[in-house]
Protein backbone atom coordinates (compact mmCIF):
# COMPACT_ATOMS: atom_id res chain seq x y z
CA MET A 1 -97.06 -21.47 20.67
CA VAL A 2 -94.90 -24.59 20.59
CA LYS A 3 -92.83 -24.88 17.42
CA GLU A 4 -93.28 -28.03 15.38
CA LYS A 5 -90.32 -30.35 15.54
CA ARG A 6 -88.12 -30.41 12.47
CA PRO A 7 -87.53 -33.94 11.14
CA ILE A 8 -83.85 -34.62 10.49
CA ILE A 9 -81.43 -37.42 9.64
CA ILE A 10 -77.90 -37.00 11.01
CA ASP A 11 -75.03 -38.69 9.16
CA THR A 12 -72.06 -38.90 11.52
CA ASP A 13 -68.68 -40.36 12.48
CA PRO A 14 -68.27 -39.87 16.26
CA GLY A 15 -65.74 -38.26 17.11
CA ILE A 16 -65.87 -36.05 20.21
CA ASP A 17 -67.37 -32.91 18.66
CA ASP A 18 -69.86 -35.23 16.91
CA ALA A 19 -70.80 -36.56 20.35
CA VAL A 20 -71.65 -33.04 21.56
CA ALA A 21 -73.65 -32.37 18.37
CA LEU A 22 -75.60 -35.64 18.66
CA SER A 23 -76.28 -35.10 22.35
CA ILE A 24 -77.82 -31.68 21.77
CA ALA A 25 -79.78 -32.84 18.70
CA LEU A 26 -81.20 -35.93 20.42
CA ASN A 27 -82.45 -33.81 23.31
CA HIS A 28 -83.46 -30.56 21.58
CA PRO A 29 -87.19 -29.76 21.74
CA GLU A 30 -87.25 -28.39 18.18
CA LEU A 31 -85.56 -31.36 16.50
CA ASP A 32 -87.01 -34.77 15.67
CA VAL A 33 -84.08 -37.08 14.90
CA LYS A 34 -85.65 -39.76 12.71
CA LEU A 35 -82.46 -41.70 11.97
CA LEU A 36 -78.74 -41.71 12.72
CA THR A 37 -76.44 -43.04 10.01
CA THR A 38 -72.73 -43.69 10.30
CA VAL A 39 -69.78 -43.51 7.95
CA ALA A 40 -66.03 -43.98 8.10
CA GLY A 41 -64.17 -40.78 8.88
CA ASN A 42 -62.78 -39.83 12.28
CA VAL A 43 -62.33 -43.57 12.87
CA ASN A 44 -63.48 -46.66 10.94
CA VAL A 45 -67.19 -47.27 10.42
CA HIS A 46 -67.36 -50.11 12.95
CA LYS A 47 -66.14 -47.73 15.68
CA THR A 48 -68.29 -44.80 14.55
CA THR A 49 -71.34 -47.08 14.62
CA GLU A 50 -70.50 -48.45 18.05
CA ASN A 51 -69.95 -44.91 19.35
CA THR A 52 -73.32 -43.80 17.98
CA LEU A 53 -75.05 -46.76 19.59
CA LYS A 54 -73.37 -45.97 22.91
CA LEU A 55 -74.63 -42.38 22.77
CA VAL A 56 -78.18 -43.51 21.98
CA THR A 57 -77.97 -45.92 24.92
CA PHE A 58 -76.47 -43.24 27.21
CA PHE A 59 -79.38 -40.88 26.56
CA GLU A 60 -81.98 -43.70 26.53
CA LYS A 61 -83.33 -42.72 23.11
CA GLN A 62 -85.30 -44.88 20.68
CA VAL A 63 -83.65 -43.56 17.52
CA PRO A 64 -82.64 -46.11 14.88
CA VAL A 65 -78.98 -46.32 13.86
CA ALA A 66 -77.79 -47.64 10.50
CA LYS A 67 -74.21 -48.42 9.54
CA GLY A 68 -73.03 -46.96 6.26
CA CYS A 69 -69.97 -46.89 4.04
CA ASP A 70 -66.62 -48.16 5.30
CA LYS A 71 -64.55 -46.22 2.75
CA PRO A 72 -64.80 -43.25 0.36
CA LEU A 73 -66.16 -43.70 -3.16
CA LEU A 74 -62.86 -43.74 -5.06
CA ILE A 75 -59.91 -43.16 -2.73
CA GLN A 76 -58.36 -44.70 0.37
CA LEU A 77 -59.70 -43.75 3.79
CA GLU A 78 -57.58 -41.43 5.94
CA ASP A 79 -59.04 -41.28 9.45
CA SER A 80 -58.52 -38.76 12.26
CA ALA A 81 -57.85 -41.01 15.26
CA GLU A 82 -54.94 -38.77 16.29
CA ILE A 83 -57.50 -36.05 17.10
CA HIS A 84 -60.30 -38.09 18.70
CA GLY A 85 -58.40 -41.04 20.16
CA GLU A 86 -58.21 -44.66 19.09
CA SER A 87 -61.89 -45.38 19.81
CA GLY A 88 -63.08 -42.01 18.48
CA MET A 89 -64.50 -41.12 21.91
CA ASP A 90 -61.56 -41.73 24.23
CA GLY A 91 -61.77 -40.48 27.79
CA TYR A 92 -65.08 -41.80 29.09
CA ASP A 93 -66.08 -45.35 29.92
CA PHE A 94 -69.46 -45.59 28.23
CA PRO A 95 -71.78 -48.44 29.22
CA GLN A 96 -72.10 -51.17 26.61
CA ALA A 97 -74.69 -50.30 23.98
CA THR A 98 -78.04 -51.99 24.60
CA VAL A 99 -79.34 -51.26 21.10
CA LYS A 100 -78.19 -52.65 17.78
CA ALA A 101 -77.79 -51.13 14.36
CA LEU A 102 -80.47 -51.83 11.77
CA ASP A 103 -79.99 -54.84 9.50
CA ILE A 104 -79.98 -52.63 6.41
CA HIS A 105 -77.31 -50.30 5.02
CA ALA A 106 -77.49 -46.62 5.95
CA VAL A 107 -78.32 -45.62 2.37
CA GLU A 108 -81.32 -47.98 2.31
CA ALA A 109 -82.43 -46.76 5.75
CA MET A 110 -82.24 -43.13 4.61
CA LYS A 111 -84.22 -43.90 1.47
CA GLU A 112 -86.99 -45.59 3.45
CA CYS A 113 -87.09 -42.82 6.04
CA ILE A 114 -87.22 -40.02 3.47
CA LEU A 115 -89.79 -41.59 1.15
CA SER A 116 -92.11 -42.55 4.00
CA SER A 117 -91.99 -39.15 5.73
CA ALA A 118 -95.13 -37.03 5.67
CA GLU A 119 -93.01 -33.88 5.51
CA PRO A 120 -89.64 -33.10 3.91
CA ILE A 121 -86.57 -34.29 5.80
CA THR A 122 -83.47 -32.21 6.47
CA LEU A 123 -80.20 -34.10 6.05
CA VAL A 124 -77.47 -33.13 8.51
CA PRO A 125 -74.12 -34.63 7.46
CA ILE A 126 -71.37 -33.89 9.97
CA ALA A 127 -68.94 -36.34 8.37
CA ALA A 128 -67.66 -37.33 4.94
CA LEU A 129 -70.47 -37.17 2.38
CA THR A 130 -70.13 -40.75 1.07
CA ASN A 131 -73.51 -42.01 2.29
CA ILE A 132 -75.32 -38.89 1.10
CA ALA A 133 -73.74 -39.05 -2.36
CA LEU A 134 -74.72 -42.70 -2.77
CA LEU A 135 -78.28 -41.98 -1.63
CA LEU A 136 -78.72 -39.19 -4.17
CA SER A 137 -77.09 -41.23 -6.95
CA MET A 138 -78.95 -44.49 -6.33
CA TYR A 139 -82.30 -43.02 -5.34
CA PRO A 140 -82.73 -39.60 -6.99
CA GLU A 141 -86.45 -39.79 -6.21
CA THR A 142 -85.59 -39.00 -2.59
CA LYS A 143 -84.62 -35.45 -3.60
CA GLN A 144 -88.30 -34.52 -3.81
CA ASN A 145 -88.73 -35.09 -0.07
CA ILE A 146 -85.44 -33.56 1.15
CA LYS A 147 -85.93 -30.02 2.44
CA GLU A 148 -82.24 -29.12 2.53
CA ILE A 149 -78.79 -30.36 3.50
CA VAL A 150 -77.17 -28.59 6.46
CA MET A 151 -73.58 -29.81 6.58
CA MET A 152 -70.43 -29.26 8.56
CA GLY A 153 -67.65 -29.36 6.03
CA GLY A 154 -65.59 -27.42 3.57
CA SER A 155 -63.71 -24.17 4.13
CA LEU A 156 -63.46 -20.76 2.54
CA SER A 157 -59.86 -20.39 3.68
CA ARG A 158 -57.21 -22.84 4.87
CA GLY A 159 -57.76 -26.53 5.47
CA ASN A 160 -56.86 -28.92 8.28
CA THR A 161 -55.61 -31.72 6.00
CA ASN A 162 -53.78 -30.38 2.97
CA THR A 163 -53.37 -26.62 2.73
CA SER A 164 -56.89 -25.97 1.43
CA ALA A 165 -59.24 -28.83 2.35
CA GLU A 166 -61.33 -29.41 5.46
CA PHE A 167 -61.34 -33.01 6.73
CA ASN A 168 -64.91 -34.06 5.79
CA THR A 169 -64.60 -32.95 2.16
CA TYR A 170 -60.99 -34.15 1.98
CA VAL A 171 -61.93 -37.69 3.06
CA ASP A 172 -64.27 -38.07 0.07
CA PRO A 173 -64.08 -35.19 -2.42
CA HIS A 174 -65.93 -37.11 -5.14
CA ALA A 175 -68.89 -37.59 -2.80
CA ALA A 176 -68.82 -33.89 -1.95
CA GLN A 177 -68.90 -33.03 -5.66
CA ILE A 178 -71.99 -35.21 -6.18
CA VAL A 179 -73.78 -33.56 -3.26
CA PHE A 180 -72.99 -30.00 -4.35
CA GLN A 181 -74.16 -30.80 -7.87
CA SER A 182 -77.42 -32.40 -6.64
CA GLY A 183 -79.66 -29.34 -6.91
CA ILE A 184 -80.77 -29.69 -3.28
CA PRO A 185 -80.47 -26.52 -1.15
CA ILE A 186 -77.23 -26.76 0.85
CA VAL A 187 -76.04 -24.86 3.90
CA MET A 188 -72.28 -25.20 4.34
CA VAL A 189 -70.87 -24.49 7.80
CA GLY A 190 -67.16 -24.59 7.04
CA LEU A 191 -63.92 -24.96 8.95
CA ASP A 192 -63.07 -21.27 8.76
CA VAL A 193 -66.19 -20.58 10.87
CA THR A 194 -66.26 -23.69 13.05
CA SER A 195 -62.62 -23.29 14.11
CA THR A 196 -63.64 -20.10 15.89
CA ALA A 197 -66.61 -21.79 17.62
CA VAL A 198 -64.69 -22.86 20.69
CA LEU A 199 -65.52 -23.78 24.26
CA THR A 200 -63.07 -22.10 26.62
CA LYS A 201 -62.14 -23.09 30.13
CA ASN A 202 -65.00 -20.88 31.33
CA GLU A 203 -67.60 -22.98 29.45
CA THR A 204 -66.03 -26.38 30.14
CA GLU A 205 -65.90 -25.69 33.88
CA LYS A 206 -69.63 -24.90 33.80
CA ILE A 207 -70.37 -28.05 31.77
CA LYS A 208 -68.37 -30.11 34.25
CA GLU A 209 -71.04 -29.37 36.88
CA PHE A 210 -73.94 -30.73 34.78
CA GLY A 211 -74.15 -34.11 36.53
CA LYS A 212 -73.80 -37.29 34.51
CA VAL A 213 -73.88 -35.46 31.17
CA GLY A 214 -71.34 -32.87 32.27
CA ASN A 215 -69.00 -35.50 33.66
CA MET A 216 -69.15 -37.44 30.41
CA PHE A 217 -68.28 -34.45 28.26
CA TYR A 218 -65.64 -33.08 30.58
CA SER A 219 -63.96 -36.50 30.49
CA LEU A 220 -64.06 -36.57 26.68
CA PHE A 221 -62.70 -33.02 26.51
CA GLN A 222 -59.55 -34.11 28.35
CA HIS A 223 -58.72 -36.37 25.38
CA TYR A 224 -59.86 -34.14 22.51
CA ARG A 225 -57.02 -32.72 20.44
CA GLY A 226 -59.21 -30.33 18.45
CA GLY A 227 -57.75 -27.35 20.29
CA SER A 228 -57.11 -27.48 24.03
CA LEU A 229 -58.77 -26.64 27.32
CA GLN A 230 -56.40 -23.67 27.51
CA THR A 231 -56.89 -22.19 24.02
CA GLY A 232 -60.44 -23.46 23.44
CA LEU A 233 -61.97 -26.69 22.12
CA LYS A 234 -63.26 -26.48 18.54
CA MET A 235 -66.90 -27.52 18.30
CA HIS A 236 -66.97 -28.05 14.53
CA ASP A 237 -69.94 -30.39 14.15
CA VAL A 238 -71.99 -28.68 16.84
CA CYS A 239 -72.25 -25.67 14.53
CA ALA A 240 -74.52 -27.56 12.11
CA ILE A 241 -76.98 -28.29 14.93
CA ALA A 242 -76.74 -24.67 16.10
CA TYR A 243 -77.63 -23.49 12.58
CA LEU A 244 -80.72 -25.72 12.55
CA THR A 245 -82.10 -24.25 15.76
CA ASP A 246 -80.79 -20.66 15.55
CA PRO A 247 -79.49 -19.55 12.14
CA THR A 248 -79.26 -15.98 13.45
CA LEU A 249 -75.99 -17.03 15.11
CA PHE A 250 -74.41 -17.02 11.64
CA THR A 251 -73.61 -14.53 8.88
CA VAL A 252 -74.24 -16.20 5.52
CA GLN A 253 -73.93 -15.63 1.79
CA GLU A 254 -75.48 -17.33 -1.23
CA THR A 255 -72.79 -18.46 -3.66
CA PHE A 256 -71.60 -21.25 -5.94
CA VAL A 257 -69.29 -23.92 -4.54
CA GLU A 258 -67.34 -26.57 -6.41
CA ILE A 259 -64.92 -29.22 -5.21
CA ALA A 260 -61.28 -29.79 -6.16
CA LEU A 261 -60.95 -33.53 -6.83
CA GLU A 262 -57.22 -34.18 -7.05
CA GLY A 263 -53.78 -32.73 -6.55
CA PRO A 264 -52.50 -30.68 -3.60
CA ALA A 265 -55.92 -29.06 -3.07
CA ALA A 266 -58.03 -32.25 -3.28
CA GLY A 267 -61.19 -31.79 -1.23
CA ALA A 268 -61.03 -28.00 -1.22
CA THR A 269 -64.38 -26.20 -1.52
CA VAL A 270 -63.88 -23.38 -4.00
CA ALA A 271 -66.52 -20.67 -3.57
CA ASP A 272 -67.27 -18.08 -6.23
CA LEU A 273 -68.09 -15.42 -3.62
CA LYS A 274 -68.08 -12.60 -6.19
CA MET A 275 -70.19 -14.71 -8.59
CA LYS A 276 -67.77 -13.87 -11.36
CA TYR A 277 -67.83 -17.30 -13.00
CA HIS A 278 -71.38 -18.54 -12.32
CA ASN A 279 -74.84 -17.07 -12.81
CA THR A 280 -76.58 -19.39 -10.33
CA THR A 281 -75.89 -20.32 -6.72
CA ASN A 282 -75.86 -23.82 -5.21
CA ALA A 283 -75.13 -23.17 -1.54
CA THR A 284 -75.65 -20.89 1.42
CA VAL A 285 -72.19 -20.55 2.98
CA CYS A 286 -71.59 -19.42 6.54
CA LEU A 287 -69.07 -16.58 6.73
CA ASP A 288 -69.03 -15.85 10.46
CA ILE A 289 -70.51 -16.86 13.82
CA ASP A 290 -71.43 -14.94 16.96
CA ILE A 291 -68.99 -16.75 19.27
CA PRO A 292 -70.27 -15.56 22.69
CA ALA A 293 -73.87 -16.36 21.66
CA PHE A 294 -72.79 -19.79 20.37
CA GLN A 295 -70.96 -20.57 23.61
CA LYS A 296 -74.04 -19.57 25.59
CA TRP A 297 -76.21 -21.74 23.30
CA VAL A 298 -74.02 -24.83 23.86
CA VAL A 299 -73.87 -24.45 27.63
CA SER A 300 -77.60 -23.78 27.86
CA ASN A 301 -78.51 -26.84 25.79
CA LEU A 302 -76.20 -29.17 27.71
CA GLU A 303 -77.54 -27.82 31.00
CA LYS A 304 -81.12 -28.55 29.86
CA ILE A 305 -80.18 -32.17 29.16
CA ASN A 306 -78.93 -32.48 32.72
């Protein structure tokens, strides 16, 4: 029996690992990408939007794209161009996008998509949570038709910005706080797990042979500073898509998560794993990932696109 497609909205800031995540999601038989929304993060929102449009054009998909927030709610933007390159997707000469972003803001586009959907939508933020926080604050009625939020962000251990915070929650901690306090079921796939979800030389050499798609990714991988081709390339955002299609890849725990808003730990996701201070949970947090199975999943999905 064919599984029904799961309707999702992906909020993104491409970014090279975002590009892999979007490519698999746009072509996965179990996922129905209703909308792509963009936000400032890895690079500014104009570049993240252009990159998203280029990917939609590359794969010849008819998925609407809406540009979102150009800065965090309350603090200055700190991007990650040193990791992903000046354009956000350095290394491959994409054809000019033949599609345009919608004329409305990402938050408005999400609201319309969610409220008009016949079945609950899953939100998949793989970027700073600014757009999602504004959606839930401005249009709380959308919560009734959101199934869950499956996000890449946060960390149960060290960060990759300050000592404790992962980049997506660090960029806009106030937005992250709003989302975690929303009452919507949340799955957090954090940095401590995604940093181990690497593609090694073995996988990248296989991907290289996958025709046009493989050439595109192999070219991007040469410019990605999230790890290296020698030690392994970290597929952070891809993990959120992997969770959607095969949650058995992950070990998880129900817990309560709150966000540090300022000081040397701003953006840190503090999890009460022993439930010593809370009597309710607000998130399912990933604790571990089956790395060989994940690597096989990525290669298999990229091969199917080819």
